[in-house]
Amino acid sequence: MNLFDRLFFNVFNYYRFRKNRKANRIAIIYITIVHCTLLLFSGICIALFLDAMNSNTLSSNKAWTLFIMTSIFLYFKNWIQYSGKKRKVLNAKSLSKQKSTQNYPIILLWLLPIGTLAVSIIFYTSIKSLLE
C-alpha cells in the first residue's frame, strides 16, 4: 500500500461509522483533492520555472483547462480504483495489519490539502514578486 492508499483508508474508516453510505464517496473526494492540490503545486513550480526562463510554451487559459481536465481524470481514476475489488483487497490487507498501520487524526488529514493549497499560493505570490 502506498501513501495515498493509507490516506484513503484512514478517511474511509473514520467516516464508515459516522456516515455509512457516503464514506466511500467522501474518501474518494478527499483523495482526489489531495491529488489535485499536489498537481497544482507542481504546476505552479513548473509555470514559475518556465516564466523565469522566458519561455512561452503554454498560456494561462490553456494551463487552467489542462488542470481541470486532469482533475476530472483523477476523480474518475480514483473512483474506479477505490470502488471495486481493489478497495476490498486493500481494505482486507489494511485490517490484517491494523496494529502496524498508523491512524492519523481526521483534522490532520483535512489540513493536508488545505496546507498544500496555502503553500502553493504563498509560493506563487512570493516567487512572482521576486521575478518582477
Protein backbone atom coordinates (compact mmCIF):
# COMPACT_ATOMS: atom_id res chain seq x y z
CA MET A 1 0.00 0.00 0.00
CA ASN A 2 1.29 3.41 -0.89
CA LEU A 3 0.74 6.68 0.94
CA PHE A 4 -2.42 7.59 -0.97
CA ASP A 5 -3.98 4.21 -0.19
CA ARG A 6 -3.25 4.71 3.51
CA LEU A 7 -4.72 8.21 3.43
CA PHE A 8 -7.81 6.91 1.64
CA PHE A 9 -8.39 4.14 4.16
CA ASN A 10 -7.84 6.43 7.14
CA VAL A 11 -10.56 8.76 5.85
CA PHE A 12 -12.76 5.83 4.81
CA ASN A 13 -12.50 4.14 8.21
CA TYR A 14 -13.24 7.41 10.02
CA TYR A 15 -16.42 8.11 8.04
CA ARG A 16 -17.52 4.46 7.77
CA PHE A 17 -19.12 4.52 11.19
CA ARG A 18 -20.39 8.11 11.06
CA LYS A 19 -21.79 8.29 7.52
CA ASN A 20 -22.10 4.68 6.46
CA ARG A 21 -23.39 5.08 2.91
CA LYS A 22 -21.32 8.12 2.00
CA ALA A 23 -17.98 7.02 3.45
CA ASN A 24 -16.57 5.78 0.16
CA ARG A 25 -17.67 8.91 -1.72
CA ILE A 26 -16.16 11.21 0.92
CA ALA A 27 -12.89 9.27 0.86
CA ILE A 28 -12.75 9.38 -2.96
CA ILE A 29 -13.37 13.13 -2.96
CA TYR A 30 -10.71 13.56 -0.26
CA ILE A 31 -8.02 11.64 -2.13
CA THR A 32 -8.90 13.48 -5.35
CA ILE A 33 -8.50 16.82 -3.55
CA VAL A 34 -5.10 15.69 -2.24
CA HIS A 35 -4.02 14.67 -5.75
CA CYS A 36 -5.30 17.95 -7.23
CA THR A 37 -3.52 20.14 -4.68
CA LEU A 38 -0.26 18.30 -5.32
CA LEU A 39 -0.85 18.68 -9.05
CA LEU A 40 -1.50 22.40 -8.58
CA PHE A 41 1.70 22.84 -6.58
CA SER A 42 3.80 21.06 -9.19
CA GLY A 43 2.10 23.05 -11.95
CA ILE A 44 2.89 26.31 -10.18
CA CYS A 45 6.54 25.26 -9.79
CA ILE A 46 6.79 24.41 -13.49
CA ALA A 47 4.98 27.61 -14.54
CA LEU A 48 7.27 29.78 -12.44
CA PHE A 49 10.34 28.00 -13.77
CA LEU A 50 9.21 28.48 -17.37
CA ASP A 51 8.37 32.11 -16.63
CA ALA A 52 11.85 32.69 -15.22
CA MET A 53 13.34 31.10 -18.33
CA ASN A 54 11.19 33.45 -20.53
CA SER A 55 9.53 30.51 -22.22
CA ASN A 56 6.04 30.96 -23.66
CA THR A 57 5.05 27.35 -24.17
CA LEU A 58 1.61 27.34 -22.54
CA SER A 59 -0.83 30.17 -21.97
CA SER A 60 -2.60 30.64 -18.65
CA ASN A 61 -6.03 29.70 -20.03
CA LYS A 62 -4.68 26.51 -21.58
CA ALA A 63 -2.90 25.61 -18.35
CA TRP A 64 -6.10 26.00 -16.31
CA THR A 65 -8.02 23.97 -18.88
CA LEU A 66 -5.39 21.25 -18.66
CA PHE A 67 -5.58 21.35 -14.84
CA ILE A 68 -9.38 20.99 -14.87
CA MET A 69 -9.26 18.13 -17.36
CA THR A 70 -6.59 16.36 -15.32
CA SER A 71 -8.62 16.87 -12.13
CA ILE A 72 -11.66 15.26 -13.73
CA PHE A 73 -9.46 12.38 -14.93
CA LEU A 74 -8.05 11.96 -11.40
CA TYR A 75 -11.55 11.80 -9.92
CA PHE A 76 -12.61 9.05 -12.32
CA LYS A 77 -9.34 7.16 -11.82
CA ASN A 78 -9.83 7.25 -8.05
CA TRP A 79 -13.48 6.30 -8.42
CA ILE A 80 -12.60 3.24 -10.50
CA GLN A 81 -9.66 2.31 -8.29
CA TYR A 82 -11.35 2.62 -4.89
CA SER A 83 -14.88 1.46 -5.72
CA GLY A 84 -14.23 -2.05 -6.86
CA LYS A 85 -12.43 -5.20 -5.96
CA LYS A 86 -9.09 -3.49 -5.37
CA ARG A 87 -10.54 -1.45 -2.50
CA LYS A 88 -11.84 -4.59 -0.83
CA VAL A 89 -8.49 -6.34 -1.21
CA LEU A 90 -6.56 -3.33 0.11
CA ASN A 91 -9.05 -2.91 2.96
CA ALA A 92 -8.57 -6.55 3.95
CA LYS A 93 -4.79 -6.10 3.87
CA SER A 94 -5.00 -2.95 5.98
CA LEU A 95 -7.30 -4.61 8.50
CA SER A 96 -4.93 -7.57 8.86
CA LYS A 97 -2.04 -5.18 9.55
CA GLN A 98 -4.12 -2.77 11.62
CA LYS A 99 -1.73 -2.80 14.57
CA SER A 100 1.22 -1.74 12.43
CA THR A 101 -0.59 0.93 10.39
CA GLN A 102 -0.88 4.46 11.66
CA ASN A 103 -4.24 6.06 12.18
CA TYR A 104 -3.93 9.76 11.54
CA PRO A 105 -6.32 12.25 13.19
CA ILE A 106 -9.01 13.42 10.80
CA ILE A 107 -8.15 17.07 11.41
CA LEU A 108 -4.59 16.41 10.28
CA LEU A 109 -5.86 14.59 7.22
CA TRP A 110 -8.06 17.51 6.18
CA LEU A 111 -5.28 20.03 6.91
CA LEU A 112 -3.01 18.26 4.41
CA PRO A 113 -4.77 19.53 1.23
CA ILE A 114 -5.51 22.90 2.85
CA GLY A 115 -1.85 23.30 3.78
CA THR A 116 -0.69 22.26 0.33
CA LEU A 117 -3.03 24.82 -1.24
CA ALA A 118 -1.81 27.54 1.14
CA VAL A 119 1.84 26.71 0.41
CA SER A 120 1.09 26.82 -3.32
CA ILE A 121 -0.47 30.27 -3.09
CA ILE A 122 2.28 31.65 -0.84
CA PHE A 123 4.97 30.16 -3.06
CA TYR A 124 3.38 31.61 -6.20
CA THR A 125 2.96 35.12 -4.79
CA SER A 126 6.43 35.28 -3.26
CA ILE A 127 8.28 33.98 -6.33
CA LYS A 128 6.15 36.05 -8.71
CA SER A 129 7.00 39.23 -6.78
CA LEU A 130 10.71 38.33 -6.90
CA LEU A 131 10.60 37.86 -10.66
CA GLU A 132 9.04 41.27 -11.27
